[in-house]
Protein backbone atom coordinates (compact mmCIF):
# COMPACT_ATOMS: atom_id res chain seq x y z
CA MET A 1 4.74 110.34 177.44
CA ARG A 2 7.84 111.17 179.47
CA TRP A 3 8.01 107.67 180.99
CA TRP A 4 8.19 106.14 177.52
CA LYS A 5 11.19 108.30 176.68
CA ILE A 6 13.00 107.30 179.87
CA LEU A 7 12.17 103.64 179.32
CA GLY A 8 13.40 103.86 175.72
CA LEU A 9 16.67 105.51 176.72
CA ALA A 10 17.23 102.87 179.41
CA GLY A 11 16.64 100.14 176.83
CA VAL A 12 19.12 101.69 174.40
CA ALA A 13 21.71 102.01 177.18
CA GLY A 14 21.18 98.36 178.13
CA VAL A 15 21.63 97.17 174.56
CA ALA A 16 24.80 99.25 174.18
CA ALA A 17 26.25 97.91 177.45
CA THR A 18 25.49 94.34 176.41
CA GLY A 19 27.21 94.89 173.06
CA VAL A 20 30.30 96.27 174.79
CA ALA A 21 30.46 93.27 177.13
CA ILE A 22 30.10 90.81 174.25
CA ALA A 23 32.77 92.57 172.18
CA ARG A 24 35.17 92.61 175.13
CA ALA A 25 34.66 88.88 175.77
CA GLU A 26 35.13 88.09 172.08
CA ARG A 27 38.43 89.99 171.95
CA ARG A 28 39.63 88.15 175.06
CA ARG A 29 38.64 84.79 173.53
CA ARG A 30 40.39 85.45 170.23
CA ALA A 31 43.61 86.48 171.97
CA TYR A 32 44.51 82.82 172.68
CA THR A 33 46.91 81.02 170.36
CA PRO A 34 45.87 77.58 169.09
CA GLU A 35 48.48 75.97 171.36
CA GLU A 36 47.09 77.77 174.42
CA ILE A 37 43.62 76.53 173.57
CA ARG A 38 44.87 72.93 173.26
CA VAL A 39 46.63 73.15 176.63
CA ARG A 40 43.54 74.56 178.33
CA LEU A 41 41.27 71.89 176.82
CA ARG A 42 43.65 69.11 177.91
CA GLU A 43 43.74 70.53 181.45
CA ARG A 44 39.95 70.66 181.53
CA VAL A 45 39.60 67.05 180.35
CA GLU A 46 42.19 65.83 182.85
CA GLY A 47 40.26 67.53 185.64
CA GLN A 48 37.02 65.66 184.90
CA PRO A 49 36.05 62.45 186.72
CA GLU A 50 36.61 59.19 184.78
CA GLY A 51 32.92 58.56 184.09
CA ARG A 52 32.42 62.00 182.51
CA ARG A 53 35.03 61.68 179.73
CA SER A 54 33.68 61.09 176.27
């Protein structure tokens, strides 16, 4: 029975750590202004080979 408790606690800790990582990434993503996003997208498109542009 003790192994199930340890396994359950490890699972809860994993879920909590994943949630923290997702929340941190979301905050970082939302920190960009619309103009910054446009600039970054233009830079990414300019960096692609000619045949890859849509």
